[in-house]
Amino acid sequence: MCNKPLRITNPHYIKLADQLGVEISQFSNQSDYKLQVPCGKCVQCIKKRQQHWFVRAHNIYKRLGYNLSNSYFCTFTLKPEFYEAFCKEPYAFIRRFIDRMRKDQFLRYRNPDTGRFCYRKISFPYLFVLEVADGKRAAQRRLHSEHRLHLHAIMFGCPLPWWRVRHYWMPFGLAWVSPLRHFGGVRYAMKYVTKKSAVHWNDVPKEILDLHGRLYVSHGFGRLSESEKDALRAYMMTGCKQWFSILIDNHPYSIPRYYKLACFTKDQIRCRNDSLIPQLVWEYVLRTYPTYSYYKKQLIKHSILWQ
């Protein structure tokens, strides 16, 4: 649950007012004119975001048949002379690096009709998590820290060997690439999404520091197939806990909103939430305030539901 929820005007009415050419205040009498949405910046929101993308990464892992033979864990360090270009368009910089990999000489072939070289249209899912070095390890070694910008990446099903991946990053800085031996490497990379700021970052430029914890993924990362939608839909309808979370290595993770919208309509989701959330809130109140009177417990329940 978000610690600092925001109240915003329903985008539906903003769009409707623009189409009709009227003032948006004409819809202020609607019950859903104002919506309460997560802030996206507090600890709970960031942790939830981390869990959602981890679940989507696990879906790719399952689709590969739990085979990580051609998946890599990478740590890239960027040279300071590239900081200005990277800060302007971080994702475009990453895409250019990926496109260079796709045009590797080992992935091209000669067209038998024209005799010209062509490149195979190969795509693979990947994720990049940005980190600004906090200088803690350098301080332990009594060395000066430049707070370099790092990119921790996971590449699933990469068509190139690891040394070719390393070769294409070396012009931009240092690169460490190794085969992903266990899915725990994905969990390790995702932890940088929630890594907190350090006190000795005062000398780091703001435009660099703002990139800390950013997550960039390939298009359609973790998208569900039709068979996966059917399986997830059946799982989510089996019980109350299954509607909100999914078990990965016996640990519950929140089901991404993207997956719920892929399996159910908005009306179905709203109906299911209205029937389950009050029950879960009441169980939470009973566990947290066992000595309170029934009247006080009801007040706490309603305050949570309507906050």
Protein backbone atom coordinates (compact mmCIF):
# COMPACT_ATOMS: atom_id res chain seq x y z
CA MET A 1 0.00 0.00 0.00
CA CYS A 2 1.35 3.41 -1.02
CA ASN A 3 2.54 5.64 1.83
CA LYS A 4 1.73 8.90 0.02
CA PRO A 5 -1.19 8.31 -2.37
CA LEU A 6 -2.14 11.11 -4.77
CA ARG A 7 -5.58 12.35 -5.74
CA ILE A 8 -5.86 13.12 -9.45
CA THR A 9 -8.62 13.95 -11.89
CA ASN A 10 -9.90 10.93 -13.78
CA PRO A 11 -8.12 10.91 -17.18
CA HIS A 12 -11.34 9.62 -18.75
CA TYR A 13 -13.12 12.90 -17.98
CA ILE A 14 -10.14 14.95 -19.13
CA LYS A 15 -10.27 13.21 -22.50
CA LEU A 16 -14.07 13.45 -22.65
CA ALA A 17 -14.03 17.18 -21.88
CA ASP A 18 -11.46 17.73 -24.62
CA GLN A 19 -13.57 15.80 -27.16
CA LEU A 20 -16.77 17.67 -26.27
CA GLY A 21 -15.06 21.05 -25.93
CA VAL A 22 -16.45 21.72 -22.45
CA GLU A 23 -14.97 22.57 -19.05
CA ILE A 24 -13.85 19.55 -17.08
CA SER A 25 -15.58 20.91 -13.97
CA GLN A 26 -18.91 19.85 -15.50
CA PHE A 27 -18.06 16.25 -14.55
CA SER A 28 -17.20 17.07 -10.93
CA ASN A 29 -20.47 15.57 -9.71
CA GLN A 30 -19.39 12.09 -10.86
CA SER A 31 -18.39 9.66 -8.12
CA ASP A 32 -15.15 8.70 -9.87
CA TYR A 33 -14.20 12.26 -10.87
CA LYS A 34 -11.24 12.11 -8.47
CA LEU A 35 -9.08 8.98 -8.24
CA GLN A 36 -6.56 7.94 -5.60
CA VAL A 37 -3.42 6.58 -7.24
CA PRO A 38 -0.03 5.45 -5.91
CA CYS A 39 2.71 8.07 -5.89
CA GLY A 40 5.25 5.75 -7.51
CA LYS A 41 8.12 7.18 -5.45
CA CYS A 42 7.69 5.91 -1.88
CA VAL A 43 9.35 2.76 -0.57
CA GLN A 44 6.22 0.64 -0.95
CA CYS A 45 5.62 1.73 -4.55
CA ILE A 46 9.20 1.07 -5.57
CA LYS A 47 9.18 -2.33 -3.86
CA LYS A 48 5.93 -3.24 -5.62
CA ARG A 49 7.38 -2.16 -8.95
CA GLN A 50 10.43 -4.35 -8.33
CA GLN A 51 8.24 -7.35 -7.57
CA HIS A 52 6.10 -6.86 -10.67
CA TRP A 53 9.05 -6.83 -13.02
CA PHE A 54 10.61 -9.78 -11.22
CA VAL A 55 7.42 -11.79 -11.85
CA ARG A 56 7.56 -10.84 -15.53
CA ALA A 57 11.21 -11.92 -15.68
CA HIS A 58 10.27 -15.24 -14.08
CA ASN A 59 7.66 -15.75 -16.79
CA ILE A 60 10.43 -15.49 -19.41
CA TYR A 61 12.48 -17.96 -17.37
CA LYS A 62 9.61 -20.46 -17.46
CA ARG A 63 9.11 -19.92 -21.18
CA LEU A 64 12.77 -20.82 -21.75
CA GLY A 65 12.07 -24.12 -20.03
CA TYR A 66 14.20 -23.13 -17.01
CA ASN A 67 17.21 -23.21 -19.33
CA LEU A 68 19.75 -20.45 -18.76
CA SER A 69 22.49 -21.76 -21.06
CA ASN A 70 22.41 -18.69 -23.33
CA SER A 71 21.37 -16.08 -20.76
CA TYR A 72 23.90 -13.62 -19.33
CA PHE A 73 24.39 -11.52 -16.23
CA CYS A 74 26.21 -8.30 -17.14
CA THR A 75 27.66 -5.33 -15.30
CA PHE A 76 28.57 -2.40 -17.53
CA THR A 77 30.45 0.70 -16.37
CA LEU A 78 30.04 3.87 -18.40
CA LYS A 79 32.88 6.30 -19.10
CA PRO A 80 32.28 9.87 -17.85
CA GLU A 81 32.60 11.29 -21.38
CA PHE A 82 29.37 9.47 -22.32
CA TYR A 83 27.36 10.75 -19.34
CA GLU A 84 25.91 13.77 -21.15
CA ALA A 85 24.61 11.73 -24.10
CA PHE A 86 23.37 8.96 -21.81
CA CYS A 87 21.45 11.34 -19.52
CA LYS A 88 19.55 12.81 -22.48
CA GLU A 89 18.29 9.47 -23.79
CA PRO A 90 19.22 6.50 -21.57
CA TYR A 91 16.97 3.99 -23.32
CA ALA A 92 18.07 5.14 -26.80
CA PHE A 93 21.70 4.59 -25.72
CA ILE A 94 20.88 1.05 -24.58
CA ARG A 95 18.96 0.32 -27.80
CA ARG A 96 21.92 1.41 -29.92
CA PHE A 97 24.15 -1.00 -27.99
CA ILE A 98 21.65 -3.85 -28.50
CA ASP A 99 21.30 -3.03 -32.22
CA ARG A 100 25.07 -3.25 -32.65
CA MET A 101 24.96 -6.71 -31.14
CA ARG A 102 22.21 -7.76 -33.55
CA LYS A 103 24.39 -6.70 -36.50
CA ASP A 104 27.25 -8.92 -35.45
CA GLN A 105 29.13 -10.54 -38.32
CA PHE A 106 28.22 -14.01 -37.03
CA LEU A 107 24.51 -13.21 -37.41
CA ARG A 108 24.61 -12.13 -41.04
CA TYR A 109 24.09 -14.19 -44.16
CA ARG A 110 24.38 -13.60 -47.90
CA ASN A 111 21.16 -13.25 -49.89
CA PRO A 112 21.33 -15.89 -52.67
CA ASP A 113 19.43 -13.64 -55.11
CA THR A 114 21.18 -10.30 -54.63
CA GLY A 115 24.48 -11.47 -53.16
CA ARG A 116 24.25 -8.79 -50.46
CA PHE A 117 24.74 -9.40 -46.76
CA CYS A 118 21.58 -9.44 -44.64
CA TYR A 119 21.08 -9.70 -40.90
CA ARG A 120 18.78 -12.17 -39.21
CA LYS A 121 15.87 -10.53 -37.42
CA ILE A 122 16.68 -11.76 -33.93
CA SER A 123 15.10 -10.36 -30.79
CA PHE A 124 15.63 -11.38 -27.18
CA PRO A 125 14.29 -10.02 -23.88
CA TYR A 126 16.58 -7.99 -21.65
CA LEU A 127 16.47 -5.68 -18.65
CA PHE A 128 18.86 -2.96 -17.48
CA VAL A 129 18.95 -1.52 -13.96
CA LEU A 130 20.99 1.64 -13.43
CA GLU A 131 23.11 2.22 -10.34
CA VAL A 132 25.33 5.08 -9.23
CA ALA A 133 28.25 3.70 -7.22
CA ASP A 134 27.95 4.87 -3.62
CA GLY A 135 31.71 4.75 -3.03
CA LYS A 136 31.37 2.50 0.01
CA ARG A 137 33.79 -0.14 -1.24
CA ALA A 138 36.26 2.50 -2.40
CA ALA A 139 36.15 4.08 1.05
CA GLN A 140 36.87 0.71 2.64
CA ARG A 141 39.93 0.38 0.40
CA ARG A 142 40.92 4.02 1.08
CA LEU A 143 40.58 4.84 -2.60
CA HIS A 144 38.99 7.79 -4.34
CA SER A 145 35.53 7.07 -5.78
CA GLU A 146 34.27 8.76 -8.95
CA HIS A 147 30.73 7.44 -8.36
CA ARG A 148 30.66 5.79 -11.77
CA LEU A 149 27.37 4.96 -13.43
CA HIS A 150 26.79 1.20 -13.68
CA LEU A 151 24.27 -0.79 -15.68
CA HIS A 152 23.32 -4.21 -14.35
CA ALA A 153 21.76 -6.21 -17.17
CA ILE A 154 20.13 -9.59 -17.69
CA MET A 155 19.91 -10.90 -21.26
CA PHE A 156 17.67 -13.90 -21.85
CA GLY A 157 18.39 -16.09 -24.88
CA CYS A 158 21.12 -13.85 -26.29
CA PRO A 159 22.24 -15.19 -29.72
CA LEU A 160 25.89 -14.17 -29.20
CA PRO A 161 28.55 -15.72 -26.97
CA TRP A 162 29.41 -13.76 -23.86
CA TRP A 163 32.76 -12.48 -25.15
CA ARG A 164 31.04 -10.87 -28.15
CA VAL A 165 28.62 -9.07 -25.82
CA ARG A 166 31.57 -7.79 -23.82
CA HIS A 167 33.33 -6.70 -27.02
CA TYR A 168 30.48 -4.40 -28.07
CA TRP A 169 30.42 -2.55 -24.73
CA MET A 170 34.16 -2.06 -24.29
CA PRO A 171 34.26 1.24 -26.29
CA PHE A 172 31.86 2.74 -23.71
CA GLY A 173 33.68 1.54 -20.58
CA LEU A 174 34.34 -1.61 -18.59
CA ALA A 175 32.22 -4.73 -19.02
CA TRP A 176 31.80 -7.88 -16.97
CA VAL A 177 29.70 -10.58 -18.66
CA SER A 178 29.14 -14.14 -17.47
CA PRO A 179 26.56 -16.86 -18.06
CA LEU A 180 23.53 -16.63 -15.77
CA ARG A 181 23.96 -19.76 -13.64
CA HIS A 182 20.86 -19.34 -11.48
CA PHE A 183 17.69 -17.28 -11.56
CA GLY A 184 18.83 -15.68 -8.32
CA GLY A 185 21.02 -13.46 -10.51
CA VAL A 186 17.84 -11.73 -11.70
CA ARG A 187 16.82 -11.11 -8.10
CA TYR A 188 20.27 -9.66 -7.45
CA ALA A 189 20.00 -7.27 -10.41
CA MET A 190 16.48 -6.20 -9.43
CA LYS A 191 17.57 -5.24 -5.90
CA TYR A 192 19.19 -2.10 -7.32
CA VAL A 193 15.70 -0.76 -8.08
CA THR A 194 15.15 -0.32 -4.34
CA LYS A 195 18.70 0.55 -3.30
CA LYS A 196 18.66 3.70 -1.18
CA SER A 197 20.79 6.78 -1.63
CA ALA A 198 24.03 7.08 0.31
CA VAL A 199 25.11 10.05 2.39
CA HIS A 200 28.35 10.54 0.43
CA TRP A 201 26.65 11.26 -2.89
CA ASN A 202 26.79 15.02 -2.36
CA ASP A 203 29.38 15.47 -5.10
CA VAL A 204 27.35 13.55 -7.72
CA PRO A 205 25.53 15.71 -10.33
CA LYS A 206 21.76 15.63 -9.99
CA GLU A 207 21.17 14.49 -13.59
CA ILE A 208 23.34 11.43 -12.89
CA LEU A 209 21.85 10.74 -9.48
CA ASP A 210 18.32 10.84 -10.91
CA LEU A 211 19.16 7.79 -13.00
CA HIS A 212 19.84 5.65 -9.93
CA GLY A 213 17.38 2.77 -9.72
CA ARG A 214 15.93 3.30 -13.20
CA LEU A 215 14.74 0.17 -14.96
CA TYR A 216 14.75 -0.28 -18.74
CA VAL A 217 13.41 -3.40 -20.44
CA SER A 218 12.88 -4.65 -23.98
CA HIS A 219 9.56 -4.18 -25.72
CA GLY A 220 6.94 -6.68 -24.53
CA PHE A 221 9.14 -7.94 -21.69
CA GLY A 222 7.37 -10.86 -20.00
CA ARG A 223 4.27 -10.65 -22.19
CA LEU A 224 1.83 -13.51 -21.70
CA SER A 225 0.90 -15.94 -24.46
CA GLU A 226 -2.68 -17.15 -24.84
CA SER A 227 -1.96 -20.45 -23.09
CA GLU A 228 -0.21 -18.61 -20.24
CA LYS A 229 -3.21 -16.31 -19.88
CA ASP A 230 -5.53 -19.30 -19.50
CA ALA A 231 -3.26 -20.91 -16.91
CA LEU A 232 -2.86 -17.68 -14.91
CA ARG A 233 -6.59 -16.95 -15.09
CA ALA A 234 -7.40 -20.39 -13.67
CA TYR A 235 -4.78 -19.97 -10.93
CA MET A 236 -6.04 -16.55 -9.85
CA MET A 237 -9.61 -17.79 -9.49
CA THR A 238 -8.71 -20.67 -7.16
CA GLY A 239 -8.64 -18.58 -3.97
CA CYS A 240 -8.24 -15.27 -2.24
CA LYS A 241 -4.47 -15.33 -1.86
CA GLN A 242 -4.00 -16.50 -5.44
CA TRP A 243 -5.86 -13.42 -6.69
CA PHE A 244 -3.26 -11.06 -5.25
CA SER A 245 0.00 -13.02 -5.24
CA ILE A 246 1.87 -15.81 -6.96
CA LEU A 247 4.46 -18.13 -5.42
CA ILE A 248 8.01 -18.12 -6.80
CA ASP A 249 10.43 -20.37 -4.91
CA ASN A 250 7.83 -20.57 -2.10
CA HIS A 251 7.83 -16.78 -1.72
CA PRO A 252 4.70 -14.72 -2.54
CA TYR A 253 5.06 -11.96 -5.13
CA SER A 254 2.40 -9.45 -6.08
CA ILE A 255 0.78 -10.20 -9.46
CA PRO A 256 1.44 -7.34 -11.90
CA ARG A 257 -1.50 -5.17 -12.89
CA TYR A 258 -0.44 -5.77 -16.49
CA TYR A 259 -1.16 -9.50 -16.05
CA LYS A 260 -4.55 -8.90 -14.44
CA LEU A 261 -5.64 -6.65 -17.30
CA ALA A 262 -4.47 -9.29 -19.77
CA CYS A 263 -6.58 -11.99 -18.10
CA PHE A 264 -9.68 -10.05 -16.98
CA THR A 265 -11.67 -6.97 -17.91
CA LYS A 266 -11.66 -3.90 -15.67
CA ASP A 267 -15.22 -4.64 -14.49
CA GLN A 268 -14.27 -8.21 -13.57
CA ILE A 269 -11.23 -6.98 -11.63
CA ARG A 270 -13.30 -4.36 -9.80
CA CYS A 271 -15.96 -6.91 -8.88
CA ARG A 272 -13.39 -9.39 -7.60
CA ASN A 273 -11.59 -6.71 -5.56
CA ASP A 274 -14.85 -5.48 -4.00
CA SER A 275 -15.62 -8.99 -2.78
CA LEU A 276 -12.15 -9.89 -1.46
CA ILE A 277 -10.51 -6.71 -0.15
CA PRO A 278 -12.97 -6.06 2.75
CA GLN A 279 -12.44 -9.62 3.95
CA LEU A 280 -8.65 -9.25 3.85
CA VAL A 281 -8.77 -5.89 5.63
CA TRP A 282 -10.96 -7.31 8.40
CA GLU A 283 -8.54 -10.23 8.92
CA TYR A 284 -5.67 -7.73 9.10
CA VAL A 285 -7.49 -5.65 11.74
CA LEU A 286 -8.24 -8.76 13.82
CA ARG A 287 -4.57 -9.76 13.78
CA THR A 288 -3.19 -6.28 14.46
CA TYR A 289 -5.68 -5.07 17.11
CA PRO A 290 -6.83 -8.20 18.98
CA THR A 291 -7.64 -6.35 22.22
CA TYR A 292 -9.76 -3.60 20.68
CA SER A 293 -13.53 -3.64 20.92
CA TYR A 294 -15.64 -4.73 17.99
CA TYR A 295 -16.79 -1.15 17.40
CA LYS A 296 -13.20 0.16 17.23
CA LYS A 297 -12.19 -2.65 14.89
CA GLN A 298 -15.01 -1.71 12.54
CA LEU A 299 -13.91 1.94 12.59
CA ILE A 300 -10.34 0.95 11.72
CA LYS A 301 -11.60 -1.32 8.93
CA HIS A 302 -13.68 1.44 7.34
CA SER A 303 -10.90 4.00 7.70
CA ILE A 304 -8.53 1.70 5.79
CA LEU A 305 -11.09 0.95 3.08
CA TRP A 306 -12.01 4.58 2.48
CA GLN A 307 -8.72 6.36 2.99
